[in-house]
Amino acid sequence: MDSLHHVHIKLLAADLLTLTPRHTSPPSFVRCGRTVARAEVVGVVVSRDRREKFLRFLVDDGTGCVPCVLWLNHQYLNANSSSDSDPTGEMASKMSEVVRLGTLLRVRGRIVMYRGAIQIAARDVVLEEDPNVEVLHWLQCIHMAKECYDLPLPSA
């Protein structure tokens, strides 16, 4: 299996949203013949919709808007747990507080299909305070595409 399958690859929205879905289990996607399953994007929050079990938001990096979902319902999934505290649910709740309109975020997570559209199921949401981070992310995406992501797979 391709090594890109196991890491969060840095992608611009335009590249992420044009990945080709591969019908496998677990779901994966193809970029230039290489399998990817996780991504990292950096951009500004332009939409936010919080529900009881999830937070759906859009991250705009200037090339497009990436739909993201942060699941908050870990307490429902762990309902049979005897412990009163749920560290995963608490962490997701704290991350959701960072997602505000106009904030610059770094989002990492699994690439998934939902209702025929690509989105990121967020694992990490980090507030970026330095606006230069977005430009640096763009440069890293371009560099990694040339040096790694767009290269043909090595022969076995």
N, C-alpha and C. Protein backbone atom coordinates (compact mmCIF):
# COMPACT_ATOMS: atom_id res chain seq x y z
N MET A 1 0.84 -1.18 0.00
CA MET A 1 0.00 0.00 0.00
C MET A 1 0.89 1.25 0.00
N ASP A 2 0.43 2.27 -0.66
CA ASP A 2 1.15 3.53 -0.77
C ASP A 2 1.30 4.20 0.60
N SER A 3 2.47 4.75 0.88
CA SER A 3 2.73 5.37 2.18
C SER A 3 1.90 6.63 2.41
N LEU A 4 1.40 7.27 1.37
CA LEU A 4 0.57 8.47 1.54
C LEU A 4 -0.77 8.14 2.19
N HIS A 5 -1.15 6.88 2.15
CA HIS A 5 -2.43 6.46 2.70
C HIS A 5 -2.50 6.67 4.21
N HIS A 6 -1.36 6.70 4.89
CA HIS A 6 -1.32 6.73 6.35
C HIS A 6 -1.05 8.11 6.95
N VAL A 7 -0.84 9.13 6.14
CA VAL A 7 -0.49 10.45 6.67
C VAL A 7 -1.51 11.50 6.23
N HIS A 8 -1.55 12.61 6.97
CA HIS A 8 -2.39 13.75 6.59
C HIS A 8 -1.61 14.55 5.55
N ILE A 9 -2.03 14.47 4.29
CA ILE A 9 -1.31 15.20 3.26
C ILE A 9 -1.84 16.63 3.18
N LYS A 10 -0.92 17.55 2.96
CA LYS A 10 -1.29 18.97 2.86
C LYS A 10 -1.89 19.21 1.48
N LEU A 11 -3.13 19.69 1.46
CA LEU A 11 -3.82 19.93 0.20
C LEU A 11 -4.51 21.28 0.19
N LEU A 12 -4.56 21.87 -1.00
CA LEU A 12 -5.40 23.04 -1.22
C LEU A 12 -6.81 22.55 -1.50
N ALA A 13 -7.80 23.38 -1.23
CA ALA A 13 -9.20 22.99 -1.43
C ALA A 13 -9.44 22.52 -2.87
N ALA A 14 -8.88 23.22 -3.84
CA ALA A 14 -9.08 22.86 -5.24
C ALA A 14 -8.59 21.44 -5.53
N ASP A 15 -7.50 21.03 -4.89
CA ASP A 15 -6.98 19.67 -5.09
C ASP A 15 -7.81 18.65 -4.32
N LEU A 16 -8.17 18.98 -3.10
CA LEU A 16 -8.94 18.06 -2.27
C LEU A 16 -10.30 17.75 -2.90
N LEU A 17 -10.97 18.77 -3.37
CA LEU A 17 -12.33 18.61 -3.90
C LEU A 17 -12.37 17.91 -5.25
N THR A 18 -11.21 17.69 -5.89
CA THR A 18 -11.18 16.99 -7.17
C THR A 18 -10.58 15.59 -7.05
N LEU A 19 -10.40 15.09 -5.82
CA LEU A 19 -9.91 13.73 -5.64
C LEU A 19 -10.92 12.74 -6.20
N THR A 20 -10.43 11.62 -6.68
CA THR A 20 -11.30 10.58 -7.22
C THR A 20 -11.59 9.56 -6.13
N PRO A 21 -12.88 9.33 -5.82
CA PRO A 21 -13.20 8.34 -4.78
C PRO A 21 -12.89 6.92 -5.25
N ARG A 22 -12.39 6.13 -4.33
CA ARG A 22 -12.14 4.70 -4.58
C ARG A 22 -13.07 3.95 -3.64
N HIS A 23 -13.84 3.04 -4.19
CA HIS A 23 -14.84 2.33 -3.39
C HIS A 23 -14.19 1.15 -2.69
N THR A 24 -13.54 1.46 -1.56
CA THR A 24 -12.87 0.45 -0.76
C THR A 24 -13.36 0.58 0.67
N SER A 25 -12.94 -0.34 1.49
CA SER A 25 -13.26 -0.25 2.91
C SER A 25 -11.97 -0.36 3.70
N PRO A 26 -11.57 0.67 4.44
CA PRO A 26 -12.23 1.95 4.60
C PRO A 26 -12.11 2.80 3.34
N PRO A 27 -12.97 3.80 3.20
CA PRO A 27 -12.96 4.64 1.99
C PRO A 27 -11.61 5.32 1.79
N SER A 28 -11.21 5.43 0.53
CA SER A 28 -9.99 6.15 0.20
C SER A 28 -10.21 6.89 -1.11
N PHE A 29 -9.24 7.71 -1.47
CA PHE A 29 -9.34 8.56 -2.65
C PHE A 29 -8.04 8.49 -3.42
N VAL A 30 -8.08 8.90 -4.69
CA VAL A 30 -6.90 8.80 -5.55
C VAL A 30 -6.51 10.19 -6.03
N ARG A 31 -5.20 10.45 -5.96
CA ARG A 31 -4.62 11.67 -6.52
C ARG A 31 -3.41 11.24 -7.34
N CYS A 32 -3.46 11.46 -8.62
CA CYS A 32 -2.36 11.10 -9.53
C CYS A 32 -1.94 9.64 -9.35
N GLY A 33 -2.90 8.75 -9.19
CA GLY A 33 -2.62 7.34 -9.05
C GLY A 33 -2.22 6.89 -7.66
N ARG A 34 -2.15 7.81 -6.72
CA ARG A 34 -1.74 7.48 -5.35
C ARG A 34 -2.95 7.55 -4.43
N THR A 35 -3.02 6.61 -3.50
CA THR A 35 -4.14 6.53 -2.56
C THR A 35 -3.92 7.48 -1.39
N VAL A 36 -4.94 8.28 -1.09
CA VAL A 36 -4.91 9.16 0.08
C VAL A 36 -6.19 8.96 0.88
N ALA A 37 -6.07 9.09 2.20
CA ALA A 37 -7.25 8.92 3.05
C ALA A 37 -7.39 10.04 4.06
N ARG A 38 -6.30 10.78 4.30
CA ARG A 38 -6.31 11.85 5.31
C ARG A 38 -5.73 13.13 4.70
N ALA A 39 -6.21 14.28 5.20
CA ALA A 39 -5.74 15.55 4.64
C ALA A 39 -5.62 16.60 5.72
N GLU A 40 -4.85 17.64 5.38
CA GLU A 40 -4.71 18.83 6.21
C GLU A 40 -4.98 20.03 5.34
N VAL A 41 -5.86 20.93 5.80
CA VAL A 41 -6.16 22.17 5.09
C VAL A 41 -6.02 23.33 6.06
N VAL A 42 -5.73 24.51 5.50
CA VAL A 42 -5.64 25.73 6.30
C VAL A 42 -6.47 26.80 5.59
N GLY A 43 -7.33 27.46 6.33
CA GLY A 43 -8.15 28.51 5.74
C GLY A 43 -9.03 29.20 6.76
N VAL A 44 -9.87 30.08 6.26
CA VAL A 44 -10.74 30.91 7.10
C VAL A 44 -12.13 30.27 7.16
N VAL A 45 -12.71 30.25 8.34
CA VAL A 45 -14.06 29.71 8.53
C VAL A 45 -15.06 30.71 7.94
N VAL A 46 -15.86 30.24 6.96
CA VAL A 46 -16.84 31.11 6.31
C VAL A 46 -18.28 30.68 6.57
N SER A 47 -18.45 29.52 7.21
CA SER A 47 -19.77 29.04 7.54
C SER A 47 -19.65 28.11 8.75
N ARG A 48 -20.68 28.15 9.62
CA ARG A 48 -20.65 27.34 10.84
C ARG A 48 -22.08 26.95 11.19
N ASP A 49 -22.30 25.65 11.40
CA ASP A 49 -23.63 25.15 11.75
C ASP A 49 -23.47 24.08 12.83
N ARG A 50 -23.80 24.45 14.08
CA ARG A 50 -23.65 23.52 15.20
C ARG A 50 -24.98 22.85 15.50
N ARG A 51 -24.91 21.53 15.61
CA ARG A 51 -26.06 20.72 15.99
C ARG A 51 -25.72 19.98 17.28
N GLU A 52 -26.63 19.16 17.74
CA GLU A 52 -26.40 18.44 18.99
C GLU A 52 -25.23 17.46 18.89
N LYS A 53 -25.14 16.76 17.77
CA LYS A 53 -24.14 15.70 17.63
C LYS A 53 -22.91 16.07 16.81
N PHE A 54 -22.95 17.18 16.08
CA PHE A 54 -21.82 17.54 15.23
C PHE A 54 -21.78 19.04 14.98
N LEU A 55 -20.62 19.48 14.51
CA LEU A 55 -20.43 20.85 14.05
C LEU A 55 -19.98 20.76 12.60
N ARG A 56 -20.75 21.37 11.72
CA ARG A 56 -20.40 21.40 10.30
C ARG A 56 -19.91 22.81 10.00
N PHE A 57 -18.76 22.93 9.30
CA PHE A 57 -18.24 24.24 8.96
C PHE A 57 -17.49 24.19 7.63
N LEU A 58 -17.34 25.36 6.99
CA LEU A 58 -16.62 25.49 5.73
C LEU A 58 -15.34 26.25 5.96
N VAL A 59 -14.25 25.74 5.39
CA VAL A 59 -12.95 26.40 5.48
C VAL A 59 -12.57 26.84 4.07
N ASP A 60 -12.36 28.15 3.88
CA ASP A 60 -12.01 28.74 2.59
C ASP A 60 -10.53 29.07 2.57
N ASP A 61 -9.78 28.44 1.63
CA ASP A 61 -8.34 28.72 1.54
C ASP A 61 -7.98 29.58 0.33
N GLY A 62 -8.98 30.10 -0.35
CA GLY A 62 -8.73 30.95 -1.51
C GLY A 62 -8.84 30.19 -2.82
N THR A 63 -8.77 28.85 -2.79
CA THR A 63 -8.95 28.04 -3.99
C THR A 63 -10.30 27.34 -4.00
N GLY A 64 -11.00 27.41 -2.87
CA GLY A 64 -12.29 26.76 -2.73
C GLY A 64 -12.65 26.62 -1.27
N CYS A 65 -13.83 26.08 -1.02
CA CYS A 65 -14.31 25.89 0.35
C CYS A 65 -14.40 24.40 0.65
N VAL A 66 -13.76 23.99 1.74
CA VAL A 66 -13.75 22.59 2.15
C VAL A 66 -14.79 22.37 3.24
N PRO A 67 -15.78 21.51 2.98
CA PRO A 67 -16.72 21.17 4.04
C PRO A 67 -16.02 20.29 5.08
N CYS A 68 -16.23 20.62 6.35
CA CYS A 68 -15.64 19.85 7.45
C CYS A 68 -16.73 19.52 8.45
N VAL A 69 -16.59 18.38 9.11
CA VAL A 69 -17.52 18.00 10.17
C VAL A 69 -16.70 17.55 11.37
N LEU A 70 -17.08 18.06 12.53
CA LEU A 70 -16.46 17.69 13.80
C LEU A 70 -17.54 17.01 14.63
N TRP A 71 -17.36 15.71 14.89
CA TRP A 71 -18.36 14.96 15.64
C TRP A 71 -18.25 15.27 17.11
N LEU A 72 -19.38 15.61 17.73
CA LEU A 72 -19.43 15.96 19.14
C LEU A 72 -20.12 14.89 19.97
N ASN A 73 -20.60 13.84 19.33
CA ASN A 73 -21.47 12.88 19.99
C ASN A 73 -20.74 11.69 20.59
N HIS A 74 -19.50 11.86 21.00
CA HIS A 74 -18.77 10.75 21.60
C HIS A 74 -19.46 10.28 22.88
N GLN A 75 -20.13 11.18 23.59
CA GLN A 75 -20.83 10.78 24.80
C GLN A 75 -21.98 9.82 24.46
N TYR A 76 -22.58 9.95 23.27
CA TYR A 76 -23.64 9.04 22.86
C TYR A 76 -23.06 7.68 22.49
N LEU A 77 -21.92 7.70 21.83
CA LEU A 77 -21.29 6.44 21.43
C LEU A 77 -20.79 5.67 22.63
N ASN A 78 -20.40 6.37 23.70
CA ASN A 78 -19.87 5.73 24.91
C ASN A 78 -20.91 5.70 26.01
N ALA A 79 -22.18 5.58 25.67
CA ALA A 79 -23.26 5.63 26.66
C ALA A 79 -23.17 4.51 27.68
N ASN A 80 -22.59 3.37 27.30
CA ASN A 80 -22.49 2.23 28.22
C ASN A 80 -21.29 2.35 29.14
N SER A 81 -20.50 3.35 28.96
CA SER A 81 -19.31 3.53 29.78
C SER A 81 -19.70 3.90 31.20
N SER A 82 -19.00 3.31 32.18
CA SER A 82 -19.32 3.59 33.58
C SER A 82 -18.70 4.91 34.05
N SER A 83 -17.76 5.44 33.28
CA SER A 83 -17.09 6.68 33.65
C SER A 83 -17.97 7.89 33.35
N ASP A 84 -17.97 8.86 34.27
CA ASP A 84 -18.76 10.07 34.05
C ASP A 84 -18.09 11.04 33.08
N SER A 85 -16.75 10.97 32.97
CA SER A 85 -16.04 11.89 32.09
C SER A 85 -15.74 11.22 30.76
N ASP A 86 -15.82 12.00 29.69
CA ASP A 86 -15.53 11.52 28.35
C ASP A 86 -14.47 12.44 27.75
N PRO A 87 -13.19 12.06 27.83
CA PRO A 87 -12.13 12.95 27.34
C PRO A 87 -12.24 13.24 25.85
N THR A 88 -12.70 12.28 25.06
CA THR A 88 -12.82 12.50 23.62
C THR A 88 -13.92 13.53 23.33
N GLY A 89 -15.06 13.39 24.00
CA GLY A 89 -16.15 14.34 23.83
C GLY A 89 -15.78 15.73 24.32
N GLU A 90 -15.06 15.79 25.44
CA GLU A 90 -14.61 17.08 25.97
C GLU A 90 -13.65 17.76 25.00
N MET A 91 -12.73 16.97 24.43
CA MET A 91 -11.77 17.52 23.48
C MET A 91 -12.48 18.06 22.24
N ALA A 92 -13.45 17.30 21.72
CA ALA A 92 -14.22 17.74 20.55
C ALA A 92 -14.99 19.02 20.87
N SER A 93 -15.55 19.10 22.07
CA SER A 93 -16.29 20.29 22.47
C SER A 93 -15.37 21.51 22.53
N LYS A 94 -14.16 21.33 23.08
CA LYS A 94 -13.20 22.44 23.14
C LYS A 94 -12.77 22.87 21.74
N MET A 95 -12.56 21.89 20.84
CA MET A 95 -12.19 22.24 19.47
C MET A 95 -13.31 23.00 18.78
N SER A 96 -14.56 22.64 19.08
CA SER A 96 -15.69 23.31 18.43
C SER A 96 -15.77 24.78 18.81
N GLU A 97 -15.30 25.13 20.01
CA GLU A 97 -15.32 26.52 20.45
C GLU A 97 -14.35 27.39 19.65
N VAL A 98 -13.32 26.78 19.08
CA VAL A 98 -12.32 27.50 18.29
C VAL A 98 -12.89 27.88 16.91
N VAL A 99 -13.86 27.09 16.45
CA VAL A 99 -14.43 27.30 15.11
C VAL A 99 -15.43 28.44 15.16
N ARG A 100 -14.95 29.64 14.80
CA ARG A 100 -15.80 30.84 14.74
C ARG A 100 -15.63 31.48 13.37
N LEU A 101 -16.66 32.15 12.91
CA LEU A 101 -16.60 32.82 11.60
C LEU A 101 -15.42 33.79 11.57
N GLY A 102 -14.66 33.72 10.48
CA GLY A 102 -13.54 34.64 10.30
C GLY A 102 -12.22 34.19 10.90
N THR A 103 -12.21 33.07 11.63
CA THR A 103 -10.96 32.61 12.23
C THR A 103 -10.18 31.78 11.23
N LEU A 104 -8.86 31.83 11.36
CA LEU A 104 -7.96 31.05 10.52
C LEU A 104 -7.67 29.75 11.25
N LEU A 105 -7.98 28.61 10.59
CA LEU A 105 -7.83 27.30 11.23
C LEU A 105 -6.97 26.36 10.40
N ARG A 106 -6.35 25.42 11.10
CA ARG A 106 -5.71 24.26 10.49
C ARG A 106 -6.59 23.07 10.87
N VAL A 107 -7.04 22.33 9.87
CA VAL A 107 -7.93 21.18 10.10
C VAL A 107 -7.27 19.93 9.53
N ARG A 108 -7.19 18.89 10.35
CA ARG A 108 -6.68 17.59 9.91
C ARG A 108 -7.75 16.55 10.16
N GLY A 109 -7.87 15.60 9.23
CA GLY A 109 -8.83 14.53 9.44
C GLY A 109 -8.93 13.59 8.26
N ARG A 110 -9.89 12.67 8.37
CA ARG A 110 -10.13 11.69 7.31
C ARG A 110 -10.93 12.35 6.19
N ILE A 111 -10.62 11.98 4.97
CA ILE A 111 -11.39 12.43 3.82
C ILE A 111 -12.55 11.44 3.66
N VAL A 112 -13.77 11.95 3.62
CA VAL A 112 -14.94 11.09 3.51
C VAL A 112 -15.90 11.65 2.46
N MET A 113 -16.79 10.78 2.00
CA MET A 113 -17.87 11.21 1.10
C MET A 113 -19.14 11.27 1.93
N TYR A 114 -19.90 12.33 1.74
CA TYR A 114 -21.20 12.46 2.38
C TYR A 114 -22.17 13.05 1.37
N ARG A 115 -23.18 12.30 1.05
CA ARG A 115 -24.17 12.72 0.06
C ARG A 115 -23.52 13.13 -1.26
N GLY A 116 -22.54 12.36 -1.68
CA GLY A 116 -21.88 12.57 -2.96
C GLY A 116 -20.84 13.67 -3.00
N ALA A 117 -20.52 14.27 -1.87
CA ALA A 117 -19.53 15.35 -1.83
C ALA A 117 -18.40 14.99 -0.86
N ILE A 118 -17.21 15.43 -1.20
CA ILE A 118 -16.04 15.19 -0.35
C ILE A 118 -16.06 16.17 0.82
N GLN A 119 -15.73 15.67 2.00
CA GLN A 119 -15.58 16.52 3.17
C GLN A 119 -14.51 15.93 4.07
N ILE A 120 -14.09 16.70 5.07
CA ILE A 120 -13.12 16.21 6.05
C ILE A 120 -13.83 15.96 7.36
N ALA A 121 -13.68 14.74 7.88
CA ALA A 121 -14.15 14.41 9.23
C ALA A 121 -12.99 14.79 10.15
N ALA A 122 -13.12 15.94 10.79
CA ALA A 122 -12.01 16.55 11.53
C ALA A 122 -11.58 15.71 12.73
N ARG A 123 -10.28 15.58 12.86
CA ARG A 123 -9.67 14.93 14.02
C ARG A 123 -9.00 15.98 14.90
N ASP A 124 -8.39 16.97 14.24
CA ASP A 124 -7.73 18.09 14.92
C ASP A 124 -8.19 19.39 14.31
N VAL A 125 -8.51 20.36 15.15
CA VAL A 125 -8.85 21.71 14.71
C VAL A 125 -7.99 22.65 15.55
N VAL A 126 -7.12 23.41 14.88
CA VAL A 126 -6.18 24.28 15.59
C VAL A 126 -6.35 25.72 15.10
N LEU A 127 -6.49 26.64 16.04
CA LEU A 127 -6.55 28.06 15.72
C LEU A 127 -5.16 28.55 15.36
N GLU A 128 -5.03 29.20 14.20
CA GLU A 128 -3.75 29.77 13.76
C GLU A 128 -3.81 31.28 13.96
N GLU A 129 -2.90 31.80 14.74
CA GLU A 129 -2.91 33.24 15.03
C GLU A 129 -2.05 34.06 14.08
N ASP A 130 -1.11 33.41 13.40
CA ASP A 130 -0.24 34.11 12.46
C ASP A 130 -0.84 34.00 11.06
N PRO A 131 -1.24 35.11 10.43
CA PRO A 131 -1.85 35.04 9.10
C PRO A 131 -0.91 34.51 8.02
N ASN A 132 0.39 34.53 8.28
CA ASN A 132 1.36 34.00 7.31
C ASN A 132 1.27 32.48 7.18
N VAL A 133 0.64 31.83 8.13
CA VAL A 133 0.50 30.37 8.09
C VAL A 133 -0.23 29.92 6.84
N GLU A 134 -1.21 30.70 6.40
CA GLU A 134 -1.96 30.32 5.21
C GLU A 134 -1.08 30.33 3.96
N VAL A 135 -0.25 31.34 3.82
CA VAL A 135 0.66 31.42 2.68
C VAL A 135 1.70 30.30 2.76
N LEU A 136 2.21 30.04 3.96
CA LEU A 136 3.17 28.96 4.14
C LEU A 136 2.54 27.62 3.76
N HIS A 137 1.29 27.41 4.13
CA HIS A 137 0.59 26.17 3.76
C HIS A 137 0.49 26.04 2.24
N TRP A 138 0.15 27.12 1.56
CA TRP A 138 0.10 27.11 0.09
C TRP A 138 1.44 26.67 -0.48
N LEU A 139 2.52 27.28 0.00
CA LEU A 139 3.86 26.95 -0.50
C LEU A 139 4.22 25.49 -0.22
N GLN A 140 3.86 25.01 0.96
CA GLN A 140 4.13 23.61 1.30
C GLN A 140 3.32 22.66 0.42
N CYS A 141 2.08 23.02 0.12
CA CYS A 141 1.25 22.19 -0.77
C CYS A 141 1.88 22.08 -2.16
N ILE A 142 2.32 23.21 -2.69
CA ILE A 142 2.94 23.21 -4.02
C ILE A 142 4.23 22.41 -4.00
N HIS A 143 5.06 22.61 -2.98
CA HIS A 143 6.33 21.90 -2.88
C HIS A 143 6.09 20.38 -2.75
N MET A 144 5.17 19.98 -1.88
CA MET A 144 4.92 18.56 -1.67
C MET A 144 4.31 17.91 -2.92
N ALA A 145 3.50 18.64 -3.66
CA ALA A 145 2.94 18.10 -4.90
C ALA A 145 4.06 17.79 -5.90
N LYS A 146 5.00 18.73 -6.05
CA LYS A 146 6.10 18.54 -7.00
C LYS A 146 7.07 17.45 -6.55
N GLU A 147 7.36 17.41 -5.26
CA GLU A 147 8.39 16.51 -4.75
C GLU A 147 7.89 15.14 -4.30
N CYS A 148 6.56 14.99 -4.11
CA CYS A 148 6.08 13.75 -3.54
C CYS A 148 4.73 13.29 -4.14
N TYR A 149 3.68 14.07 -3.90
CA TYR A 149 2.33 13.62 -4.21
C TYR A 149 2.11 13.30 -5.69
N ASP A 150 2.69 14.09 -6.59
CA ASP A 150 2.43 13.92 -8.01
C ASP A 150 3.45 13.02 -8.71
N LEU A 151 4.40 12.49 -7.96
CA LEU A 151 5.39 11.59 -8.55
C LEU A 151 4.77 10.21 -8.76
N PRO A 152 5.22 9.49 -9.79
CA PRO A 152 4.69 8.14 -9.97
C PRO A 152 5.11 7.22 -8.82
N LEU A 153 4.31 6.22 -8.59
CA LEU A 153 4.63 5.26 -7.54
C LEU A 153 5.93 4.53 -7.86
N PRO A 154 6.76 4.29 -6.86
CA PRO A 154 8.00 3.53 -7.10
C PRO A 154 7.67 2.09 -7.51
N SER A 155 8.47 1.55 -8.40
CA SER A 155 8.27 0.17 -8.86
C SER A 155 8.56 -0.80 -7.74
N ALA A 156 7.76 -1.85 -7.66
CA ALA A 156 7.96 -2.84 -6.59
C ALA A 156 9.00 -3.86 -6.99
